[in-house]
mmCIF file of all heavy atoms, coordinates in Angstrom:
data_MODEL
# 
_entry.id   MODEL 
# 
loop_
_atom_site.group_PDB 
_atom_site.id 
_atom_site.type_symbol 
_atom_site.label_atom_id 
_atom_site.label_alt_id 
_atom_site.label_comp_id 
_atom_site.label_asym_id 
_atom_site.label_entity_id 
_atom_site.label_seq_id 
_atom_site.pdbx_PDB_ins_code 
_atom_site.Cartn_x 
_atom_site.Cartn_y 
_atom_site.Cartn_z 
_atom_site.occupancy 
_atom_site.B_iso_or_equiv 
_atom_site.pdbx_formal_charge 
_atom_site.auth_seq_id 
_atom_site.auth_comp_id 
_atom_site.auth_asym_id 
_atom_site.auth_atom_id 
_atom_site.pdbx_PDB_model_num 
ATOM 1   N N   . ARG A 1 1  ? -59.705 -141.774 103.111 1.00 0.00 ? 1  ARG A N   1 
ATOM 2   C CA  . ARG A 1 1  ? -58.908 -143.002 103.030 1.00 0.00 ? 1  ARG A CA  1 
ATOM 3   C C   . ARG A 1 1  ? -58.166 -143.095 101.701 1.00 0.00 ? 1  ARG A C   1 
ATOM 4   O O   . ARG A 1 1  ? -57.046 -143.599 101.631 1.00 0.00 ? 1  ARG A O   1 
ATOM 5   C CB  . ARG A 1 1  ? -59.797 -144.223 103.197 1.00 0.00 ? 1  ARG A CB  1 
ATOM 6   C CG  . ARG A 1 1  ? -60.096 -144.574 104.627 1.00 0.00 ? 1  ARG A CG  1 
ATOM 7   C CD  . ARG A 1 1  ? -60.706 -145.963 104.741 1.00 0.00 ? 1  ARG A CD  1 
ATOM 8   N NE  . ARG A 1 1  ? -61.919 -146.115 103.942 1.00 0.00 ? 1  ARG A NE  1 
ATOM 9   C CZ  . ARG A 1 1  ? -63.155 -145.858 104.384 1.00 0.00 ? 1  ARG A CZ  1 
ATOM 10  N NH1 . ARG A 1 1  ? -63.340 -145.447 105.616 1.00 0.00 ? 1  ARG A NH1 1 
ATOM 11  N NH2 . ARG A 1 1  ? -64.200 -146.029 103.602 1.00 0.00 ? 1  ARG A NH2 1 
ATOM 12  N N   . LEU A 1 2  ? -58.789 -142.638 100.626 1.00 0.00 ? 2  LEU A N   1 
ATOM 13  C CA  . LEU A 1 2  ? -58.182 -142.736 99.298  1.00 0.00 ? 2  LEU A CA  1 
ATOM 14  C C   . LEU A 1 2  ? -57.053 -141.738 99.085  1.00 0.00 ? 2  LEU A C   1 
ATOM 15  O O   . LEU A 1 2  ? -56.199 -141.938 98.222  1.00 0.00 ? 2  LEU A O   1 
ATOM 16  C CB  . LEU A 1 2  ? -59.251 -142.551 98.217  1.00 0.00 ? 2  LEU A CB  1 
ATOM 17  C CG  . LEU A 1 2  ? -60.290 -143.660 98.120  1.00 0.00 ? 2  LEU A CG  1 
ATOM 18  C CD1 . LEU A 1 2  ? -61.422 -143.249 97.206  1.00 0.00 ? 2  LEU A CD1 1 
ATOM 19  C CD2 . LEU A 1 2  ? -59.649 -144.943 97.641  1.00 0.00 ? 2  LEU A CD2 1 
ATOM 20  N N   . VAL A 1 3  ? -57.068 -140.647 99.830  1.00 0.00 ? 3  VAL A N   1 
ATOM 21  C CA  . VAL A 1 3  ? -56.027 -139.618 99.723  1.00 0.00 ? 3  VAL A CA  1 
ATOM 22  C C   . VAL A 1 3  ? -55.348 -139.517 101.090 1.00 0.00 ? 3  VAL A C   1 
ATOM 23  O O   . VAL A 1 3  ? -55.514 -138.531 101.806 1.00 0.00 ? 3  VAL A O   1 
ATOM 24  C CB  . VAL A 1 3  ? -56.635 -138.255 99.289  1.00 0.00 ? 3  VAL A CB  1 
ATOM 25  C CG1 . VAL A 1 3  ? -55.534 -137.256 98.998  1.00 0.00 ? 3  VAL A CG1 1 
ATOM 26  C CG2 . VAL A 1 3  ? -57.541 -138.412 98.085  1.00 0.00 ? 3  VAL A CG2 1 
ATOM 27  N N   . PRO A 1 4  ? -54.572 -140.520 101.471 1.00 0.00 ? 4  PRO A N   1 
ATOM 28  C CA  . PRO A 1 4  ? -54.030 -140.566 102.834 1.00 0.00 ? 4  PRO A CA  1 
ATOM 29  C C   . PRO A 1 4  ? -52.992 -139.493 103.123 1.00 0.00 ? 4  PRO A C   1 
ATOM 30  O O   . PRO A 1 4  ? -52.757 -139.161 104.285 1.00 0.00 ? 4  PRO A O   1 
ATOM 31  C CB  . PRO A 1 4  ? -53.412 -141.961 102.914 1.00 0.00 ? 4  PRO A CB  1 
ATOM 32  C CG  . PRO A 1 4  ? -53.091 -142.316 101.516 1.00 0.00 ? 4  PRO A CG  1 
ATOM 33  C CD  . PRO A 1 4  ? -54.147 -141.653 100.669 1.00 0.00 ? 4  PRO A CD  1 
ATOM 34  N N   . ALA A 1 5  ? -52.366 -138.928 102.114 1.00 0.00 ? 5  ALA A N   1 
ATOM 35  C CA  . ALA A 1 5  ? -51.329 -137.928 102.353 1.00 0.00 ? 5  ALA A CA  1 
ATOM 36  C C   . ALA A 1 5  ? -51.909 -136.593 102.804 1.00 0.00 ? 5  ALA A C   1 
ATOM 37  O O   . ALA A 1 5  ? -51.203 -135.773 103.381 1.00 0.00 ? 5  ALA A O   1 
ATOM 38  C CB  . ALA A 1 5  ? -50.495 -137.729 101.092 1.00 0.00 ? 5  ALA A CB  1 
ATOM 39  N N   . SER A 1 6  ? -53.189 -136.361 102.550 1.00 0.00 ? 6  SER A N   1 
ATOM 40  C CA  . SER A 1 6  ? -53.789 -135.079 102.915 1.00 0.00 ? 6  SER A CA  1 
ATOM 41  C C   . SER A 1 6  ? -54.332 -135.127 104.337 1.00 0.00 ? 6  SER A C   1 
ATOM 42  O O   . SER A 1 6  ? -54.751 -136.161 104.826 1.00 0.00 ? 6  SER A O   1 
ATOM 43  C CB  . SER A 1 6  ? -54.916 -134.712 101.954 1.00 0.00 ? 6  SER A CB  1 
ATOM 44  O OG  . SER A 1 6  ? -56.060 -135.465 102.229 1.00 0.00 ? 6  SER A OG  1 
ATOM 45  N N   . THR A 1 7  ? -54.337 -133.963 104.970 1.00 0.00 ? 7  THR A N   1 
ATOM 46  C CA  . THR A 1 7  ? -54.951 -133.860 106.289 1.00 0.00 ? 7  THR A CA  1 
ATOM 47  C C   . THR A 1 7  ? -56.441 -133.610 106.102 1.00 0.00 ? 7  THR A C   1 
ATOM 48  O O   . THR A 1 7  ? -56.890 -133.258 105.002 1.00 0.00 ? 7  THR A O   1 
ATOM 49  C CB  . THR A 1 7  ? -54.337 -132.697 107.079 1.00 0.00 ? 7  THR A CB  1 
ATOM 50  O OG1 . THR A 1 7  ? -54.604 -131.475 106.392 1.00 0.00 ? 7  THR A OG1 1 
ATOM 51  C CG2 . THR A 1 7  ? -52.840 -132.881 107.262 1.00 0.00 ? 7  THR A CG2 1 
ATOM 52  N N   . ALA A 1 8  ? -57.206 -133.782 107.156 1.00 0.00 ? 8  ALA A N   1 
ATOM 53  C CA  . ALA A 1 8  ? -58.650 -133.561 107.078 1.00 0.00 ? 8  ALA A CA  1 
ATOM 54  C C   . ALA A 1 8  ? -58.948 -132.110 106.703 1.00 0.00 ? 8  ALA A C   1 
ATOM 55  O O   . ALA A 1 8  ? -59.841 -131.833 105.900 1.00 0.00 ? 8  ALA A O   1 
ATOM 56  C CB  . ALA A 1 8  ? -59.304 -133.921 108.404 1.00 0.00 ? 8  ALA A CB  1 
ATOM 57  N N   . LYS A 1 9  ? -58.188 -131.189 107.274 1.00 0.00 ? 9  LYS A N   1 
ATOM 58  C CA  . LYS A 1 9  ? -58.386 -129.760 106.975 1.00 0.00 ? 9  LYS A CA  1 
ATOM 59  C C   . LYS A 1 9  ? -58.108 -129.467 105.501 1.00 0.00 ? 9  LYS A C   1 
ATOM 60  O O   . LYS A 1 9  ? -58.871 -128.755 104.844 1.00 0.00 ? 9  LYS A O   1 
ATOM 61  C CB  . LYS A 1 9  ? -57.469 -128.929 107.862 1.00 0.00 ? 9  LYS A CB  1 
ATOM 62  C CG  . LYS A 1 9  ? -57.578 -127.454 107.611 1.00 0.00 ? 9  LYS A CG  1 
ATOM 63  C CD  . LYS A 1 9  ? -56.609 -126.666 108.463 1.00 0.00 ? 9  LYS A CD  1 
ATOM 64  C CE  . LYS A 1 9  ? -56.653 -125.204 108.081 1.00 0.00 ? 9  LYS A CE  1 
ATOM 65  N NZ  . LYS A 1 9  ? -55.635 -124.422 108.781 1.00 0.00 ? 9  LYS A NZ  1 
ATOM 66  N N   . MET A 1 10 ? -57.028 -130.019 104.971 1.00 0.00 ? 10 MET A N   1 
ATOM 67  C CA  . MET A 1 10 ? -56.660 -129.773 103.577 1.00 0.00 ? 10 MET A CA  1 
ATOM 68  C C   . MET A 1 10 ? -57.679 -130.391 102.630 1.00 0.00 ? 10 MET A C   1 
ATOM 69  O O   . MET A 1 10 ? -58.072 -129.775 101.633 1.00 0.00 ? 10 MET A O   1 
ATOM 70  C CB  . MET A 1 10 ? -55.268 -130.330 103.292 1.00 0.00 ? 10 MET A CB  1 
ATOM 71  C CG  . MET A 1 10 ? -54.781 -130.076 101.887 1.00 0.00 ? 10 MET A CG  1 
ATOM 72  S SD  . MET A 1 10 ? -54.693 -128.331 101.433 1.00 0.00 ? 10 MET A SD  1 
ATOM 73  C CE  . MET A 1 10 ? -53.358 -127.797 102.462 1.00 0.00 ? 10 MET A CE  1 
ATOM 74  N N   . LEU A 1 11 ? -58.138 -131.602 102.939 1.00 0.00 ? 11 LEU A N   1 
ATOM 75  C CA  . LEU A 1 11 ? -59.131 -132.262 102.095 1.00 0.00 ? 11 LEU A CA  1 
ATOM 76  C C   . LEU A 1 11 ? -60.428 -131.460 102.073 1.00 0.00 ? 11 LEU A C   1 
ATOM 77  O O   . LEU A 1 11 ? -61.017 -131.238 101.015 1.00 0.00 ? 11 LEU A O   1 
ATOM 78  C CB  . LEU A 1 11 ? -59.387 -133.688 102.585 1.00 0.00 ? 11 LEU A CB  1 
ATOM 79  C CG  . LEU A 1 11 ? -60.368 -134.514 101.768 1.00 0.00 ? 11 LEU A CG  1 
ATOM 80  C CD1 . LEU A 1 11 ? -59.899 -134.671 100.333 1.00 0.00 ? 11 LEU A CD1 1 
ATOM 81  C CD2 . LEU A 1 11 ? -60.565 -135.873 102.405 1.00 0.00 ? 11 LEU A CD2 1 
ATOM 82  N N   . THR A 1 12 ? -60.861 -130.985 103.229 1.00 0.00 ? 12 THR A N   1 
ATOM 83  C CA  . THR A 1 12 ? -62.073 -130.180 103.311 1.00 0.00 ? 12 THR A CA  1 
ATOM 84  C C   . THR A 1 12 ? -61.917 -128.898 102.511 1.00 0.00 ? 12 THR A C   1 
ATOM 85  O O   . THR A 1 12 ? -62.814 -128.496 101.765 1.00 0.00 ? 12 THR A O   1 
ATOM 86  C CB  . THR A 1 12 ? -62.396 -129.850 104.779 1.00 0.00 ? 12 THR A CB  1 
ATOM 87  O OG1 . THR A 1 12 ? -62.579 -131.068 105.489 1.00 0.00 ? 12 THR A OG1 1 
ATOM 88  C CG2 . THR A 1 12 ? -63.647 -129.007 104.889 1.00 0.00 ? 12 THR A CG2 1 
ATOM 89  N N   . GLN A 1 13 ? -60.779 -128.255 102.638 1.00 0.00 ? 13 GLN A N   1 
ATOM 90  C CA  . GLN A 1 13 ? -60.523 -127.006 101.913 1.00 0.00 ? 13 GLN A CA  1 
ATOM 91  C C   . GLN A 1 13 ? -60.542 -127.240 100.407 1.00 0.00 ? 13 GLN A C   1 
ATOM 92  O O   . GLN A 1 13 ? -61.157 -126.469 99.660  1.00 0.00 ? 13 GLN A O   1 
ATOM 93  C CB  . GLN A 1 13 ? -59.183 -126.434 102.339 1.00 0.00 ? 13 GLN A CB  1 
ATOM 94  C CG  . GLN A 1 13 ? -58.829 -125.140 101.643 1.00 0.00 ? 13 GLN A CG  1 
ATOM 95  C CD  . GLN A 1 13 ? -57.446 -124.627 102.061 1.00 0.00 ? 13 GLN A CD  1 
ATOM 96  O OE1 . GLN A 1 13 ? -56.808 -125.199 102.932 1.00 0.00 ? 13 GLN A OE1 1 
ATOM 97  N NE2 . GLN A 1 13 ? -57.010 -123.576 101.440 1.00 0.00 ? 13 GLN A NE2 1 
ATOM 98  N N   . GLN A 1 14 ? -59.877 -128.295 99.949  1.00 0.00 ? 14 GLN A N   1 
ATOM 99  C CA  . GLN A 1 14 ? -59.839 -128.599 98.519  1.00 0.00 ? 14 GLN A CA  1 
ATOM 100 C C   . GLN A 1 14 ? -61.239 -128.923 97.990  1.00 0.00 ? 14 GLN A C   1 
ATOM 101 O O   . GLN A 1 14 ? -61.618 -128.475 96.906  1.00 0.00 ? 14 GLN A O   1 
ATOM 102 C CB  . GLN A 1 14 ? -58.897 -129.778 98.257  1.00 0.00 ? 14 GLN A CB  1 
ATOM 103 C CG  . GLN A 1 14 ? -57.463 -129.537 98.656  1.00 0.00 ? 14 GLN A CG  1 
ATOM 104 C CD  . GLN A 1 14 ? -56.737 -128.624 97.707  1.00 0.00 ? 14 GLN A CD  1 
ATOM 105 O OE1 . GLN A 1 14 ? -56.604 -128.923 96.523  1.00 0.00 ? 14 GLN A OE1 1 
ATOM 106 N NE2 . GLN A 1 14 ? -56.250 -127.517 98.222  1.00 0.00 ? 14 GLN A NE2 1 
ATOM 107 N N   . LEU A 1 15 ? -62.014 -129.689 98.746  1.00 0.00 ? 15 LEU A N   1 
ATOM 108 C CA  . LEU A 1 15 ? -63.373 -130.028 98.324  1.00 0.00 ? 15 LEU A CA  1 
ATOM 109 C C   . LEU A 1 15 ? -64.259 -128.785 98.259  1.00 0.00 ? 15 LEU A C   1 
ATOM 110 O O   . LEU A 1 15 ? -65.070 -128.639 97.341  1.00 0.00 ? 15 LEU A O   1 
ATOM 111 C CB  . LEU A 1 15 ? -63.986 -131.061 99.269  1.00 0.00 ? 15 LEU A CB  1 
ATOM 112 C CG  . LEU A 1 15 ? -63.464 -132.482 99.108  1.00 0.00 ? 15 LEU A CG  1 
ATOM 113 C CD1 . LEU A 1 15 ? -63.915 -133.346 100.270 1.00 0.00 ? 15 LEU A CD1 1 
ATOM 114 C CD2 . LEU A 1 15 ? -63.915 -133.069 97.783  1.00 0.00 ? 15 LEU A CD2 1 
ATOM 115 N N   . ARG A 1 16 ? -64.121 -127.887 99.215  1.00 0.00 ? 16 ARG A N   1 
ATOM 116 C CA  . ARG A 1 16 ? -64.909 -126.645 99.194  1.00 0.00 ? 16 ARG A CA  1 
ATOM 117 C C   . ARG A 1 16 ? -64.544 -125.779 97.994  1.00 0.00 ? 16 ARG A C   1 
ATOM 118 O O   . ARG A 1 16 ? -65.411 -125.156 97.377  1.00 0.00 ? 16 ARG A O   1 
ATOM 119 C CB  . ARG A 1 16 ? -64.720 -125.880 100.489 1.00 0.00 ? 16 ARG A CB  1 
ATOM 120 C CG  . ARG A 1 16 ? -65.453 -126.517 101.639 1.00 0.00 ? 16 ARG A CG  1 
ATOM 121 C CD  . ARG A 1 16 ? -65.336 -125.723 102.897 1.00 0.00 ? 16 ARG A CD  1 
ATOM 122 N NE  . ARG A 1 16 ? -66.061 -126.385 103.985 1.00 0.00 ? 16 ARG A NE  1 
ATOM 123 C CZ  . ARG A 1 16 ? -65.823 -126.197 105.256 1.00 0.00 ? 16 ARG A CZ  1 
ATOM 124 N NH1 . ARG A 1 16 ? -64.886 -125.352 105.638 1.00 0.00 ? 16 ARG A NH1 1 
ATOM 125 N NH2 . ARG A 1 16 ? -66.526 -126.837 106.165 1.00 0.00 ? 16 ARG A NH2 1 
ATOM 126 N N   . GLU A 1 17 ? -63.268 -125.726 97.660  1.00 0.00 ? 17 GLU A N   1 
ATOM 127 C CA  . GLU A 1 17 ? -62.854 -124.955 96.483  1.00 0.00 ? 17 GLU A CA  1 
ATOM 128 C C   . GLU A 1 17 ? -63.407 -125.577 95.210  1.00 0.00 ? 17 GLU A C   1 
ATOM 129 O O   . GLU A 1 17 ? -63.866 -124.860 94.312  1.00 0.00 ? 17 GLU A O   1 
ATOM 130 C CB  . GLU A 1 17 ? -61.329 -124.874 96.415  1.00 0.00 ? 17 GLU A CB  1 
ATOM 131 C CG  . GLU A 1 17 ? -60.726 -123.980 97.475  1.00 0.00 ? 17 GLU A CG  1 
ATOM 132 C CD  . GLU A 1 17 ? -59.207 -123.997 97.474  1.00 0.00 ? 17 GLU A CD  1 
ATOM 133 O OE1 . GLU A 1 17 ? -58.602 -124.564 96.528  1.00 0.00 ? 17 GLU A OE1 1 
ATOM 134 O OE2 . GLU A 1 17 ? -58.619 -123.436 98.424  1.00 0.00 ? 17 GLU A OE2 1 
ATOM 135 N N   . LEU A 1 18 ? -63.369 -126.900 95.110  1.00 0.00 ? 18 LEU A N   1 
ATOM 136 C CA  . LEU A 1 18 ? -63.930 -127.574 93.936  1.00 0.00 ? 18 LEU A CA  1 
ATOM 137 C C   . LEU A 1 18 ? -65.436 -127.345 93.839  1.00 0.00 ? 18 LEU A C   1 
ATOM 138 O O   . LEU A 1 18 ? -65.973 -127.169 92.740  1.00 0.00 ? 18 LEU A O   1 
ATOM 139 C CB  . LEU A 1 18 ? -63.624 -129.069 93.987  1.00 0.00 ? 18 LEU A CB  1 
ATOM 140 C CG  . LEU A 1 18 ? -62.176 -129.475 93.733  1.00 0.00 ? 18 LEU A CG  1 
ATOM 141 C CD1 . LEU A 1 18 ? -61.963 -130.936 94.067  1.00 0.00 ? 18 LEU A CD1 1 
ATOM 142 C CD2 . LEU A 1 18 ? -61.789 -129.183 92.300  1.00 0.00 ? 18 LEU A CD2 1 
ATOM 143 N N   . GLU A 1 19 ? -66.113 -127.336 94.977  1.00 0.00 ? 19 GLU A N   1 
ATOM 144 C CA  . GLU A 1 19 ? -67.546 -127.085 94.988  1.00 0.00 ? 19 GLU A CA  1 
ATOM 145 C C   . GLU A 1 19 ? -67.846 -125.641 94.587  1.00 0.00 ? 19 GLU A C   1 
ATOM 146 O O   . GLU A 1 19 ? -68.781 -125.384 93.835  1.00 0.00 ? 19 GLU A O   1 
ATOM 147 C CB  . GLU A 1 19 ? -68.117 -127.378 96.373  1.00 0.00 ? 19 GLU A CB  1 
ATOM 148 C CG  . GLU A 1 19 ? -69.614 -127.242 96.447  1.00 0.00 ? 19 GLU A CG  1 
ATOM 149 C CD  . GLU A 1 19 ? -70.160 -127.536 97.828  1.00 0.00 ? 19 GLU A CD  1 
ATOM 150 O OE1 . GLU A 1 19 ? -69.389 -127.600 98.800  1.00 0.00 ? 19 GLU A OE1 1 
ATOM 151 O OE2 . GLU A 1 19 ? -71.391 -127.686 97.919  1.00 0.00 ? 19 GLU A OE2 1 
ATOM 152 N N   . ALA A 1 20 ? -67.049 -124.706 95.059  1.00 0.00 ? 20 ALA A N   1 
ATOM 153 C CA  . ALA A 1 20 ? -67.248 -123.296 94.711  1.00 0.00 ? 20 ALA A CA  1 
ATOM 154 C C   . ALA A 1 20 ? -67.026 -123.057 93.220  1.00 0.00 ? 20 ALA A C   1 
ATOM 155 O O   . ALA A 1 20 ? -67.665 -122.186 92.620  1.00 0.00 ? 20 ALA A O   1 
ATOM 156 C CB  . ALA A 1 20 ? -66.304 -122.414 95.530  1.00 0.00 ? 20 ALA A CB  1 
ATOM 157 N N   . ASP A 1 21 ? -66.134 -123.827 92.612  1.00 0.00 ? 21 ASP A N   1 
ATOM 158 C CA  . ASP A 1 21 ? -65.861 -123.714 91.176  1.00 0.00 ? 21 ASP A CA  1 
ATOM 159 C C   . ASP A 1 21 ? -66.820 -124.547 90.334  1.00 0.00 ? 21 ASP A C   1 
ATOM 160 O O   . ASP A 1 21 ? -66.657 -124.637 89.117  1.00 0.00 ? 21 ASP A O   1 
ATOM 161 C CB  . ASP A 1 21 ? -64.419 -124.147 90.882  1.00 0.00 ? 21 ASP A CB  1 
ATOM 162 C CG  . ASP A 1 21 ? -63.404 -123.204 91.493  1.00 0.00 ? 21 ASP A CG  1 
ATOM 163 O OD1 . ASP A 1 21 ? -63.732 -122.021 91.701  1.00 0.00 ? 21 ASP A OD1 1 
ATOM 164 O OD2 . ASP A 1 21 ? -62.274 -123.661 91.767  1.00 0.00 ? 21 ASP A OD2 1 
ATOM 165 N N   . ASP A 1 22 ? -67.820 -125.165 90.967  1.00 0.00 ? 22 ASP A N   1 
ATOM 166 C CA  . ASP A 1 22 ? -68.823 -126.007 90.296  1.00 0.00 ? 22 ASP A CA  1 
ATOM 167 C C   . ASP A 1 22 ? -68.214 -127.206 89.574  1.00 0.00 ? 22 ASP A C   1 
ATOM 168 O O   . ASP A 1 22 ? -68.714 -127.649 88.546  1.00 0.00 ? 22 ASP A O   1 
ATOM 169 C CB  . ASP A 1 22 ? -69.679 -125.183 89.325  1.00 0.00 ? 22 ASP A CB  1 
ATOM 170 C CG  . ASP A 1 22 ? -70.611 -124.242 90.040  1.00 0.00 ? 22 ASP A CG  1 
ATOM 171 O OD1 . ASP A 1 22 ? -71.058 -124.582 91.146  1.00 0.00 ? 22 ASP A OD1 1 
ATOM 172 O OD2 . ASP A 1 22 ? -70.890 -123.147 89.485  1.00 0.00 ? 22 ASP A OD2 1 
ATOM 173 N N   . LEU A 1 23 ? -67.132 -127.743 90.117  1.00 0.00 ? 23 LEU A N   1 
ATOM 174 C CA  . LEU A 1 23 ? -66.540 -128.947 89.547  1.00 0.00 ? 23 LEU A CA  1 
ATOM 175 C C   . LEU A 1 23 ? -67.049 -130.201 90.230  1.00 0.00 ? 23 LEU A C   1 
ATOM 176 O O   . LEU A 1 23 ? -66.992 -131.289 89.658  1.00 0.00 ? 23 LEU A O   1 
ATOM 177 C CB  . LEU A 1 23 ? -65.016 -128.890 89.651  1.00 0.00 ? 23 LEU A CB  1 
ATOM 178 C CG  . LEU A 1 23 ? -64.357 -127.822 88.777  1.00 0.00 ? 23 LEU A CG  1 
ATOM 179 C CD1 . LEU A 1 23 ? -62.871 -127.741 89.063  1.00 0.00 ? 23 LEU A CD1 1 
ATOM 180 C CD2 . LEU A 1 23 ? -64.600 -128.117 87.317  1.00 0.00 ? 23 LEU A CD2 1 
ATOM 181 N N   . VAL A 1 24 ? -67.525 -130.068 91.461  1.00 0.00 ? 24 VAL A N   1 
ATOM 182 C CA  . VAL A 1 24 ? -68.139 -131.193 92.172  1.00 0.00 ? 24 VAL A CA  1 
ATOM 183 C C   . VAL A 1 24 ? -69.451 -130.721 92.777  1.00 0.00 ? 24 VAL A C   1 
ATOM 184 O O   . VAL A 1 24 ? -69.659 -129.536 93.010  1.00 0.00 ? 24 VAL A O   1 
ATOM 185 C CB  . VAL A 1 24 ? -67.229 -131.771 93.287  1.00 0.00 ? 24 VAL A CB  1 
ATOM 186 C CG1 . VAL A 1 24 ? -65.955 -132.327 92.705  1.00 0.00 ? 24 VAL A CG1 1 
ATOM 187 C CG2 . VAL A 1 24 ? -66.939 -130.745 94.332  1.00 0.00 ? 24 VAL A CG2 1 
ATOM 188 N N   . HIS A 1 25 ? -70.330 -131.684 93.001  1.00 0.00 ? 25 HIS A N   1 
ATOM 189 C CA  . HIS A 1 25 ? -71.625 -131.400 93.621  1.00 0.00 ? 25 HIS A CA  1 
ATOM 190 C C   . HIS A 1 25 ? -71.671 -132.116 94.951  1.00 0.00 ? 25 HIS A C   1 
ATOM 191 O O   . HIS A 1 25 ? -71.381 -133.316 95.027  1.00 0.00 ? 25 HIS A O   1 
ATOM 192 C CB  . HIS A 1 25 ? -72.762 -131.884 92.717  1.00 0.00 ? 25 HIS A CB  1 
ATOM 193 C CG  . HIS A 1 25 ? -74.094 -131.851 93.372  1.00 0.00 ? 25 HIS A CG  1 
ATOM 194 N ND1 . HIS A 1 25 ? -74.752 -130.677 93.629  1.00 0.00 ? 25 HIS A ND1 1 
ATOM 195 C CD2 . HIS A 1 25 ? -74.878 -132.834 93.836  1.00 0.00 ? 25 HIS A CD2 1 
ATOM 196 C CE1 . HIS A 1 25 ? -75.903 -130.965 94.229  1.00 0.00 ? 25 HIS A CE1 1 
ATOM 197 N NE2 . HIS A 1 25 ? -76.000 -132.270 94.371  1.00 0.00 ? 25 HIS A NE2 1 
# 
């Protein structure tokens, strides 16, 4: 909801990349 311009697929991909880089838990 906070990032309405992104699609669900793109948001998931970005979150997985951030998790892989240890920037988010």
